[in-house]
Amino acid sequence: MVLRMTEEVSTQVPADDFQALEEKVYRTIEMFKSAREARSAAERDVKRLRQQLEDREEEIETLRRETVRLRKEREEIRGRVEKMLAQIESMAEEQAAS
């Protein structure tokens, strides 16, 4: 029965048409392999980029906290300097008055 079906197919489809179809199938397989490799590469890139983004977000948060800390420290130092300047000015006024 299989032999009869093979004979029928071979009589219905010329050899050139079958060869062209076979080539198309192989090209399709190669395109599928290439697409799968490209997808894998894209997935690796996405994973790497997501990790880089997460790292940058952590770095940004660390820098924000440090900025807040430095601003507070600057305001504290400014207050201390203003207090010292006020004391110096007071001393200079006392000395000028005497």
PDB file of N, CA and C in Angstrom:
ATOM      1  N   MET A   1       0.810  -1.191   0.000  1.00  0.00           N
ATOM      2  CA  MET A   1       0.000   0.000   0.000  1.00  0.00           C
ATOM      3  C   MET A   1       0.860   1.264   0.000  1.00  0.00           C
ATOM      4  N   VAL A   2       1.911   1.317   0.844  1.00  0.00           N
ATOM      5  CA  VAL A   2       2.814   2.449   0.875  1.00  0.00           C
ATOM      6  C   VAL A   2       3.529   2.583  -0.461  1.00  0.00           C
ATOM      7  N   LEU A   3       3.881   1.469  -1.026  1.00  0.00           N
ATOM      8  CA  LEU A   3       4.565   1.485  -2.313  1.00  0.00           C
ATOM      9  C   LEU A   3       3.674   2.085  -3.397  1.00  0.00           C
ATOM     10  N   ARG A   4       2.400   1.724  -3.362  1.00  0.00           N
ATOM     11  CA  ARG A   4       1.458   2.247  -4.350  1.00  0.00           C
ATOM     12  C   ARG A   4       1.309   3.761  -4.173  1.00  0.00           C
ATOM     13  N   MET A   5       1.232   4.260  -2.908  1.00  0.00           N
ATOM     14  CA  MET A   5       1.095   5.693  -2.656  1.00  0.00           C
ATOM     15  C   MET A   5       2.344   6.441  -3.123  1.00  0.00           C
ATOM     16  N   THR A   6       3.508   5.839  -2.918  1.00  0.00           N
ATOM     17  CA  THR A   6       4.751   6.453  -3.353  1.00  0.00           C
ATOM     18  C   THR A   6       4.780   6.557  -4.877  1.00  0.00           C
ATOM     19  N   GLU A   7       4.330   5.501  -5.520  1.00  0.00           N
ATOM     20  CA  GLU A   7       4.295   5.525  -6.978  1.00  0.00           C
ATOM     21  C   GLU A   7       3.338   6.596  -7.476  1.00  0.00           C
ATOM     22  N   GLU A   8       2.180   6.716  -6.796  1.00  0.00           N
ATOM     23  CA  GLU A   8       1.208   7.725  -7.204  1.00  0.00           C
ATOM     24  C   GLU A   8       1.767   9.128  -7.028  1.00  0.00           C
ATOM     25  N   VAL A   9       2.435   9.379  -5.894  1.00  0.00           N
ATOM     26  CA  VAL A   9       3.019  10.692  -5.637  1.00  0.00           C
ATOM     27  C   VAL A   9       4.114  10.983  -6.638  1.00  0.00           C
ATOM     28  N   SER A  10       4.958   9.998  -6.911  1.00  0.00           N
ATOM     29  CA  SER A  10       6.056  10.240  -7.835  1.00  0.00           C
ATOM     30  C   SER A  10       5.549  10.489  -9.246  1.00  0.00           C
ATOM     31  N   THR A  11       4.425   9.887  -9.614  1.00  0.00           N
ATOM     32  CA  THR A  11       3.877  10.159 -10.940  1.00  0.00           C
ATOM     33  C   THR A  11       3.159  11.491 -10.979  1.00  0.00           C
ATOM     34  N   GLN A  12       2.630  11.939  -9.852  1.00  0.00           N
ATOM     35  CA  GLN A  12       1.893  13.199  -9.818  1.00  0.00           C
ATOM     36  C   GLN A  12       2.826  14.399  -9.711  1.00  0.00           C
ATOM     37  N   VAL A  13       3.945  14.277  -8.969  1.00  0.00           N
ATOM     38  CA  VAL A  13       4.850  15.396  -8.734  1.00  0.00           C
ATOM     39  C   VAL A  13       6.146  15.157  -9.491  1.00  0.00           C
ATOM     40  N   PRO A  14       6.453  16.000 -10.460  1.00  0.00           N
ATOM     41  CA  PRO A  14       7.725  15.833 -11.171  1.00  0.00           C
ATOM     42  C   PRO A  14       8.903  15.990 -10.210  1.00  0.00           C
ATOM     43  N   ALA A  15      10.023  15.416 -10.553  1.00  0.00           N
ATOM     44  CA  ALA A  15      11.211  15.423  -9.698  1.00  0.00           C
ATOM     45  C   ALA A  15      11.700  16.839  -9.435  1.00  0.00           C
ATOM     46  N   ASP A  16      11.649  17.719 -10.441  1.00  0.00           N
ATOM     47  CA  ASP A  16      12.111  19.096 -10.259  1.00  0.00           C
ATOM     48  C   ASP A  16      11.251  19.840  -9.238  1.00  0.00           C
ATOM     49  N   ASP A  17       9.933  19.612  -9.308  1.00  0.00           N
ATOM     50  CA  ASP A  17       9.038  20.263  -8.356  1.00  0.00           C
ATOM     51  C   ASP A  17       9.299  19.769  -6.938  1.00  0.00           C
ATOM     52  N   PHE A  18       9.545  18.464  -6.841  1.00  0.00           N
ATOM     53  CA  PHE A  18       9.816  17.907  -5.515  1.00  0.00           C
ATOM     54  C   PHE A  18      11.126  18.458  -4.968  1.00  0.00           C
ATOM     55  N   GLN A  19      12.129  18.567  -5.819  1.00  0.00           N
ATOM     56  CA  GLN A  19      13.428  19.102  -5.386  1.00  0.00           C
ATOM     57  C   GLN A  19      13.282  20.561  -4.958  1.00  0.00           C
ATOM     58  N   ALA A  20      12.492  21.335  -5.699  1.00  0.00           N
ATOM     59  CA  ALA A  20      12.268  22.736  -5.333  1.00  0.00           C
ATOM     60  C   ALA A  20      11.547  22.820  -3.990  1.00  0.00           C
ATOM     61  N   LEU A  21      10.572  21.952  -3.813  1.00  0.00           N
ATOM     62  CA  LEU A  21       9.847  21.925  -2.537  1.00  0.00           C
ATOM     63  C   LEU A  21      10.783  21.532  -1.395  1.00  0.00           C
ATOM     64  N   GLU A  22      11.631  20.552  -1.648  1.00  0.00           N
ATOM     65  CA  GLU A  22      12.588  20.109  -0.643  1.00  0.00           C
ATOM     66  C   GLU A  22      13.538  21.249  -0.256  1.00  0.00           C
ATOM     67  N   GLU A  23      14.000  22.005  -1.248  1.00  0.00           N
ATOM     68  CA  GLU A  23      14.885  23.138  -0.981  1.00  0.00           C
ATOM     69  C   GLU A  23      14.174  24.199  -0.148  1.00  0.00           C
ATOM     70  N   LYS A  24      12.910  24.438  -0.469  1.00  0.00           N
ATOM     71  CA  LYS A  24      12.135  25.407   0.312  1.00  0.00           C
ATOM     72  C   LYS A  24      11.988  24.951   1.756  1.00  0.00           C
ATOM     73  N   VAL A  25      11.761  23.659   1.940  1.00  0.00           N
ATOM     74  CA  VAL A  25      11.635  23.123   3.298  1.00  0.00           C
ATOM     75  C   VAL A  25      12.948  23.306   4.056  1.00  0.00           C
ATOM     76  N   TYR A  26      14.071  23.006   3.403  1.00  0.00           N
ATOM     77  CA  TYR A  26      15.365  23.174   4.072  1.00  0.00           C
ATOM     78  C   TYR A  26      15.665  24.639   4.373  1.00  0.00           C
ATOM     79  N   ARG A  27      15.327  25.527   3.444  1.00  0.00           N
ATOM     80  CA  ARG A  27      15.506  26.967   3.710  1.00  0.00           C
ATOM     81  C   ARG A  27      14.637  27.414   4.875  1.00  0.00           C
ATOM     82  N   THR A  28      13.421  26.895   4.918  1.00  0.00           N
ATOM     83  CA  THR A  28      12.518  27.234   6.027  1.00  0.00           C
ATOM     84  C   THR A  28      13.089  26.741   7.345  1.00  0.00           C
ATOM     85  N   ILE A  29      13.648  25.561   7.344  1.00  0.00           N
ATOM     86  CA  ILE A  29      14.272  25.012   8.552  1.00  0.00           C
ATOM     87  C   ILE A  29      15.436  25.896   8.984  1.00  0.00           C
ATOM     88  N   GLU A  30      16.273  26.310   8.031  1.00  0.00           N
ATOM     89  CA  GLU A  30      17.411  27.177   8.356  1.00  0.00           C
ATOM     90  C   GLU A  30      16.938  28.527   8.887  1.00  0.00           C
ATOM     91  N   MET A  31      15.885  29.067   8.274  1.00  0.00           N
ATOM     92  CA  MET A  31      15.337  30.336   8.760  1.00  0.00           C
ATOM     93  C   MET A  31      14.801  30.175  10.177  1.00  0.00           C
ATOM     94  N   PHE A  32      14.166  29.048  10.436  1.00  0.00           N
ATOM     95  CA  PHE A  32      13.644  28.783  11.777  1.00  0.00           C
ATOM     96  C   PHE A  32      14.788  28.694  12.787  1.00  0.00           C
ATOM     97  N   LYS A  33      15.864  28.007  12.422  1.00  0.00           N
ATOM     98  CA  LYS A  33      17.027  27.908  13.309  1.00  0.00           C
ATOM     99  C   LYS A  33      17.616  29.294  13.577  1.00  0.00           C
ATOM    100  N   SER A  34      17.753  30.084  12.516  1.00  0.00           N
ATOM    101  CA  SER A  34      18.302  31.438  12.676  1.00  0.00           C
ATOM    102  C   SER A  34      17.402  32.286  13.561  1.00  0.00           C
ATOM    103  N   ALA A  35      16.107  32.171  13.353  1.00  0.00           N
ATOM    104  CA  ALA A  35      15.161  32.937  14.172  1.00  0.00           C
ATOM    105  C   ALA A  35      15.241  32.501  15.635  1.00  0.00           C
ATOM    106  N   ARG A  36      15.386  31.214  15.860  1.00  0.00           N
ATOM    107  CA  ARG A  36      15.496  30.713  17.229  1.00  0.00           C
ATOM    108  C   ARG A  36      16.778  31.216  17.887  1.00  0.00           C
ATOM    109  N   GLU A  37      17.890  31.216  17.136  1.00  0.00           N
ATOM    110  CA  GLU A  37      19.150  31.736  17.673  1.00  0.00           C
ATOM    111  C   GLU A  37      19.043  33.232  17.962  1.00  0.00           C
ATOM    112  N   ALA A  38      18.397  33.960  17.060  1.00  0.00           N
ATOM    113  CA  ALA A  38      18.211  35.400  17.268  1.00  0.00           C
ATOM    114  C   ALA A  38      17.343  35.653  18.498  1.00  0.00           C
ATOM    115  N   ARG A  39      16.335  34.843  18.674  1.00  0.00           N
ATOM    116  CA  ARG A  39      15.470  34.993  19.851  1.00  0.00           C
ATOM    117  C   ARG A  39      16.257  34.725  21.125  1.00  0.00           C
ATOM    118  N   SER A  40      17.069  33.680  21.112  1.00  0.00           N
ATOM    119  CA  SER A  40      17.885  33.369  22.288  1.00  0.00           C
ATOM    120  C   SER A  40      18.838  34.514  22.602  1.00  0.00           C
ATOM    121  N   ALA A  41      19.452  35.065  21.560  1.00  0.00           N
ATOM    122  CA  ALA A  41      20.368  36.193  21.753  1.00  0.00           C
ATOM    123  C   ALA A  41      19.609  37.396  22.311  1.00  0.00           C
ATOM    124  N   ALA A  42      18.422  37.656  21.773  1.00  0.00           N
ATOM    125  CA  ALA A  42      17.619  38.781  22.255  1.00  0.00           C
ATOM    126  C   ALA A  42      17.214  38.574  23.710  1.00  0.00           C
ATOM    127  N   GLU A  43      16.862  37.349  24.072  1.00  0.00           N
ATOM    128  CA  GLU A  43      16.492  37.068  25.463  1.00  0.00           C
ATOM    129  C   GLU A  43      17.689  37.271  26.393  1.00  0.00           C
ATOM    130  N   ARG A  44      18.883  36.871  25.945  1.00  0.00           N
ATOM    131  CA  ARG A  44      20.087  37.102  26.758  1.00  0.00           C
ATOM    132  C   ARG A  44      20.336  38.598  26.914  1.00  0.00           C
ATOM    133  N   ASP A  45      20.171  39.338  25.813  1.00  0.00           N
ATOM    134  CA  ASP A  45      20.357  40.790  25.874  1.00  0.00           C
ATOM    135  C   ASP A  45      19.357  41.435  26.821  1.00  0.00           C
ATOM    136  N   VAL A  46      18.114  41.008  26.755  1.00  0.00           N
ATOM    137  CA  VAL A  46      17.080  41.557  27.643  1.00  0.00           C
ATOM    138  C   VAL A  46      17.441  41.280  29.096  1.00  0.00           C
ATOM    139  N   LYS A  47      17.881  40.067  29.376  1.00  0.00           N
ATOM    140  CA  LYS A  47      18.255  39.712  30.745  1.00  0.00           C
ATOM    141  C   LYS A  47      19.415  40.582  31.229  1.00  0.00           C
ATOM    142  N   ARG A  48      20.424  40.757  30.360  1.00  0.00           N
ATOM    143  CA  ARG A  48      21.581  41.572  30.715  1.00  0.00           C
ATOM    144  C   ARG A  48      21.175  43.027  30.924  1.00  0.00           C
ATOM    145  N   LEU A  49      20.340  43.547  30.045  1.00  0.00           N
ATOM    146  CA  LEU A  49      19.904  44.939  30.163  1.00  0.00           C
ATOM    147  C   LEU A  49      19.035  45.163  31.397  1.00  0.00           C
ATOM    148  N   ARG A  50      18.200  44.185  31.718  1.00  0.00           N
ATOM    149  CA  ARG A  50      17.383  44.306  32.938  1.00  0.00           C
ATOM    150  C   ARG A  50      18.278  44.345  34.175  1.00  0.00           C
ATOM    151  N   GLN A  51      19.319  43.527  34.178  1.00  0.00           N
ATOM    152  CA  GLN A  51      20.243  43.528  35.308  1.00  0.00           C
ATOM    153  C   GLN A  51      20.972  44.860  35.393  1.00  0.00           C
ATOM    154  N   GLN A  52      21.403  45.381  34.241  1.00  0.00           N
ATOM    155  CA  GLN A  52      22.071  46.685  34.240  1.00  0.00           C
ATOM    156  C   GLN A  52      21.128  47.776  34.735  1.00  0.00           C
ATOM    157  N   LEU A  53      19.873  47.711  34.320  1.00  0.00           N
ATOM    158  CA  LEU A  53      18.894  48.698  34.760  1.00  0.00           C
ATOM    159  C   LEU A  53      18.687  48.609  36.271  1.00  0.00           C
ATOM    160  N   GLU A  54      18.591  47.406  36.775  1.00  0.00           N
ATOM    161  CA  GLU A  54      18.431  47.216  38.223  1.00  0.00           C
ATOM    162  C   GLU A  54      19.648  47.765  38.965  1.00  0.00           C
ATOM    163  N   ASP A  55      20.840  47.488  38.448  1.00  0.00           N
ATOM    164  CA  ASP A  55      22.065  48.003  39.068  1.00  0.00           C
ATOM    165  C   ASP A  55      22.072  49.527  39.075  1.00  0.00           C
ATOM    166  N   ARG A  56      21.672  50.128  37.958  1.00  0.00           N
ATOM    167  CA  ARG A  56      21.645  51.600  37.866  1.00  0.00           C
ATOM    168  C   ARG A  56      20.618  52.196  38.817  1.00  0.00           C
ATOM    169  N   GLU A  57      19.473  51.530  38.944  1.00  0.00           N
ATOM    170  CA  GLU A  57      18.451  52.024  39.864  1.00  0.00           C
ATOM    171  C   GLU A  57      18.959  51.990  41.312  1.00  0.00           C
ATOM    172  N   GLU A  58      19.678  50.926  41.659  1.00  0.00           N
ATOM    173  CA  GLU A  58      20.262  50.839  42.997  1.00  0.00           C
ATOM    174  C   GLU A  58      21.290  51.947  43.194  1.00  0.00           C
ATOM    175  N   GLU A  59      22.100  52.164  42.173  1.00  0.00           N
ATOM    176  CA  GLU A  59      23.122  53.210  42.243  1.00  0.00           C
ATOM    177  C   GLU A  59      22.472  54.593  42.381  1.00  0.00           C
ATOM    178  N   ILE A  60      21.412  54.825  41.635  1.00  0.00           N
ATOM    179  CA  ILE A  60      20.699  56.105  41.726  1.00  0.00           C
ATOM    180  C   ILE A  60      20.131  56.305  43.123  1.00  0.00           C
ATOM    181  N   GLU A  61      19.556  55.259  43.679  1.00  0.00           N
ATOM    182  CA  GLU A  61      18.992  55.380  45.027  1.00  0.00           C
ATOM    183  C   GLU A  61      20.092  55.672  46.048  1.00  0.00           C
ATOM    184  N   THR A  62      21.222  55.014  45.908  1.00  0.00           N
ATOM    185  CA  THR A  62      22.357  55.273  46.802  1.00  0.00           C
ATOM    186  C   THR A  62      22.815  56.725  46.668  1.00  0.00           C
ATOM    187  N   LEU A  63      22.905  57.212  45.445  1.00  0.00           N
ATOM    188  CA  LEU A  63      23.326  58.602  45.224  1.00  0.00           C
ATOM    189  C   LEU A  63      22.303  59.602  45.780  1.00  0.00           C
ATOM    190  N   ARG A  64      21.024  59.275  45.670  1.00  0.00           N
ATOM    191  CA  ARG A  64      19.996  60.160  46.239  1.00  0.00           C
ATOM    192  C   ARG A  64      20.151  60.256  47.755  1.00  0.00           C
ATOM    193  N   ARG A  65      20.335  59.099  48.389  1.00  0.00           N
ATOM    194  CA  ARG A  65      20.507  59.114  49.847  1.00  0.00           C
ATOM    195  C   ARG A  65      21.739  59.911  50.247  1.00  0.00           C
ATOM    196  N   GLU A  66      22.824  59.725  49.499  1.00  0.00           N
ATOM    197  CA  GLU A  66      24.047  60.461  49.806  1.00  0.00           C
ATOM    198  C   GLU A  66      23.851  61.961  49.584  1.00  0.00           C
ATOM    199  N   THR A  67      23.132  62.334  48.548  1.00  0.00           N
ATOM    200  CA  THR A  67      22.857  63.747  48.288  1.00  0.00           C
ATOM    201  C   THR A  67      22.083  64.364  49.443  1.00  0.00           C
ATOM    202  N   VAL A  68      21.071  63.659  49.919  1.00  0.00           N
ATOM    203  CA  VAL A  68      20.286  64.159  51.057  1.00  0.00           C
ATOM    204  C   VAL A  68      21.186  64.309  52.275  1.00  0.00           C
ATOM    205  N   ARG A  69      22.023  63.301  52.527  1.00  0.00           N
ATOM    206  CA  ARG A  69      22.932  63.358  53.677  1.00  0.00           C
ATOM    207  C   ARG A  69      23.884  64.545  53.552  1.00  0.00           C
ATOM    208  N   LEU A  70      24.448  64.749  52.370  1.00  0.00           N
ATOM    209  CA  LEU A  70      25.395  65.843  52.175  1.00  0.00           C
ATOM    210  C   LEU A  70      24.720  67.209  52.304  1.00  0.00           C
ATOM    211  N   ARG A  71      23.487  67.319  51.850  1.00  0.00           N
ATOM    212  CA  ARG A  71      22.769  68.588  52.006  1.00  0.00           C
ATOM    213  C   ARG A  71      22.510  68.901  53.468  1.00  0.00           C
ATOM    214  N   LYS A  72      22.125  67.879  54.211  1.00  0.00           N
ATOM    215  CA  LYS A  72      21.907  68.082  55.653  1.00  0.00           C
ATOM    216  C   LYS A  72      23.212  68.494  56.324  1.00  0.00           C
ATOM    217  N   GLU A  73      24.284  67.812  55.953  1.00  0.00           N
ATOM    218  CA  GLU A  73      25.595  68.132  56.528  1.00  0.00           C
ATOM    219  C   GLU A  73      26.000  69.561  56.168  1.00  0.00           C
ATOM    220  N   ARG A  74      25.760  69.955  54.923  1.00  0.00           N
ATOM    221  CA  ARG A  74      26.093  71.310  54.485  1.00  0.00           C
ATOM    222  C   ARG A  74      25.307  72.345  55.298  1.00  0.00           C
ATOM    223  N   GLU A  75      24.019  72.114  55.500  1.00  0.00           N
ATOM    224  CA  GLU A  75      23.197  73.041  56.277  1.00  0.00           C
ATOM    225  C   GLU A  75      23.677  73.115  57.730  1.00  0.00           C
ATOM    226  N   GLU A  76      24.066  71.968  58.265  1.00  0.00           N
ATOM    227  CA  GLU A  76      24.584  71.942  59.629  1.00  0.00           C
ATOM    228  C   GLU A  76      25.876  72.757  59.727  1.00  0.00           C
ATOM    229  N   ILE A  77      26.775  72.555  58.770  1.00  0.00           N
ATOM    230  CA  ILE A  77      28.040  73.300  58.770  1.00  0.00           C
ATOM    231  C   ILE A  77      27.788  74.785  58.560  1.00  0.00           C
ATOM    232  N   ARG A  78      26.855  75.105  57.661  1.00  0.00           N
ATOM    233  CA  ARG A  78      26.514  76.513  57.428  1.00  0.00           C
ATOM    234  C   ARG A  78      26.027  77.162  58.728  1.00  0.00           C
ATOM    235  N   GLY A  79      25.178  76.453  59.450  1.00  0.00           N
ATOM    236  CA  GLY A  79      24.686  76.978  60.738  1.00  0.00           C
ATOM    237  C   GLY A  79      25.819  77.192  61.729  1.00  0.00           C
ATOM    238  N   ARG A  80      26.743  76.247  61.780  1.00  0.00           N
ATOM    239  CA  ARG A  80      27.863  76.381  62.709  1.00  0.00           C
ATOM    240  C   ARG A  80      28.766  77.552  62.321  1.00  0.00           C
ATOM    241  N   VAL A  81      29.026  77.708  61.002  1.00  0.00           N
ATOM    242  CA  VAL A  81      29.854  78.819  60.532  1.00  0.00           C
ATOM    243  C   VAL A  81      29.171  80.145  60.831  1.00  0.00           C
ATOM    244  N   GLU A  82      27.868  80.243  60.579  1.00  0.00           N
ATOM    245  CA  GLU A  82      27.136  81.476  60.872  1.00  0.00           C
ATOM    246  C   GLU A  82      27.194  81.803  62.364  1.00  0.00           C
ATOM    247  N   LYS A  83      27.120  80.774  63.184  1.00  0.00           N
ATOM    248  CA  LYS A  83      27.192  80.979  64.636  1.00  0.00           C
ATOM    249  C   LYS A  83      28.580  81.508  65.017  1.00  0.00           C
ATOM    250  N   MET A  84      29.643  80.916  64.428  1.00  0.00           N
ATOM    251  CA  MET A  84      31.003  81.393  64.720  1.00  0.00           C
ATOM    252  C   MET A  84      31.186  82.827  64.237  1.00  0.00           C
ATOM    253  N   LEU A  85      30.671  83.139  63.035  1.00  0.00           N
ATOM    254  CA  LEU A  85      30.792  84.494  62.505  1.00  0.00           C
ATOM    255  C   LEU A  85      30.052  85.501  63.401  1.00  0.00           C
ATOM    256  N   ALA A  86      28.903  85.089  63.907  1.00  0.00           N
ATOM    257  CA  ALA A  86      28.146  85.969  64.803  1.00  0.00           C
ATOM    258  C   ALA A  86      28.942  86.214  66.082  1.00  0.00           C
ATOM    259  N   GLN A  87      29.593  85.175  66.603  1.00  0.00           N
ATOM    260  CA  GLN A  87      30.401  85.340  67.818  1.00  0.00           C
ATOM    261  C   GLN A  87      31.596  86.255  67.541  1.00  0.00           C
ATOM    262  N   ILE A  88      32.240  86.064  66.378  1.00  0.00           N
ATOM    263  CA  ILE A  88      33.378  86.919  66.021  1.00  0.00           C
ATOM    264  C   ILE A  88      32.917  88.359  65.884  1.00  0.00           C
ATOM    265  N   GLU A  89      31.781  88.561  65.223  1.00  0.00           N
ATOM    266  CA  GLU A  89      31.241  89.908  65.061  1.00  0.00           C
ATOM    267  C   GLU A  89      30.908  90.536  66.400  1.00  0.00           C
ATOM    268  N   SER A  90      30.350  89.744  67.281  1.00  0.00           N
ATOM    269  CA  SER A  90      30.011  90.235  68.618  1.00  0.00           C
ATOM    270  C   SER A  90      31.268  90.628  69.361  1.00  0.00           C
ATOM    271  N   MET A  91      32.302  89.792  69.253  1.00  0.00           N
ATOM    272  CA  MET A  91      33.555  90.110  69.914  1.00  0.00           C
ATOM    273  C   MET A  91      34.183  91.381  69.331  1.00  0.00           C
ATOM    274  N   ALA A  92      34.093  91.542  68.010  1.00  0.00           N
ATOM    275  CA  ALA A  92      34.660  92.725  67.360  1.00  0.00           C
ATOM    276  C   ALA A  92      33.899  93.975  67.798  1.00  0.00           C
ATOM    277  N   GLU A  93      32.578  93.886  67.942  1.00  0.00           N
ATOM    278  CA  GLU A  93      31.780  95.023  68.387  1.00  0.00           C
ATOM    279  C   GLU A  93      32.111  95.367  69.824  1.00  0.00           C
ATOM    280  N   GLU A  94      32.283  94.372  70.683  1.00  0.00           N
ATOM    281  CA  GLU A  94      32.651  94.613  72.084  1.00  0.00           C
ATOM    282  C   GLU A  94      34.017  95.288  72.163  1.00  0.00           C
ATOM    283  N   GLN A  95      34.951  94.825  71.337  1.00  0.00           N
ATOM    284  CA  GLN A  95      36.292  95.405  71.342  1.00  0.00           C
ATOM    285  C   GLN A  95      36.254  96.824  70.800  1.00  0.00           C
ATOM    286  N   ALA A  96      35.438  97.082  69.812  1.00  0.00           N
ATOM    287  CA  ALA A  96      35.333  98.434  69.258  1.00  0.00           C
ATOM    288  C   ALA A  96      34.660  99.379  70.243  1.00  0.00           C
ATOM    289  N   ALA A  97      33.750  98.861  71.047  1.00  0.00           N
ATOM    290  CA  ALA A  97      33.044  99.693  72.023  1.00  0.00           C
ATOM    291  C   ALA A  97      33.948 100.034  73.190  1.00  0.00           C
ATOM    292  N   SER A  98      34.924  99.184  73.459  1.00  0.00           N
ATOM    293  CA  SER A  98      35.763  99.481  74.610  1.00  0.00           C
ATOM    294  C   SER A  98      36.939 100.301  74.316  1.00  0.00           C
TER     295      SER A  98
END
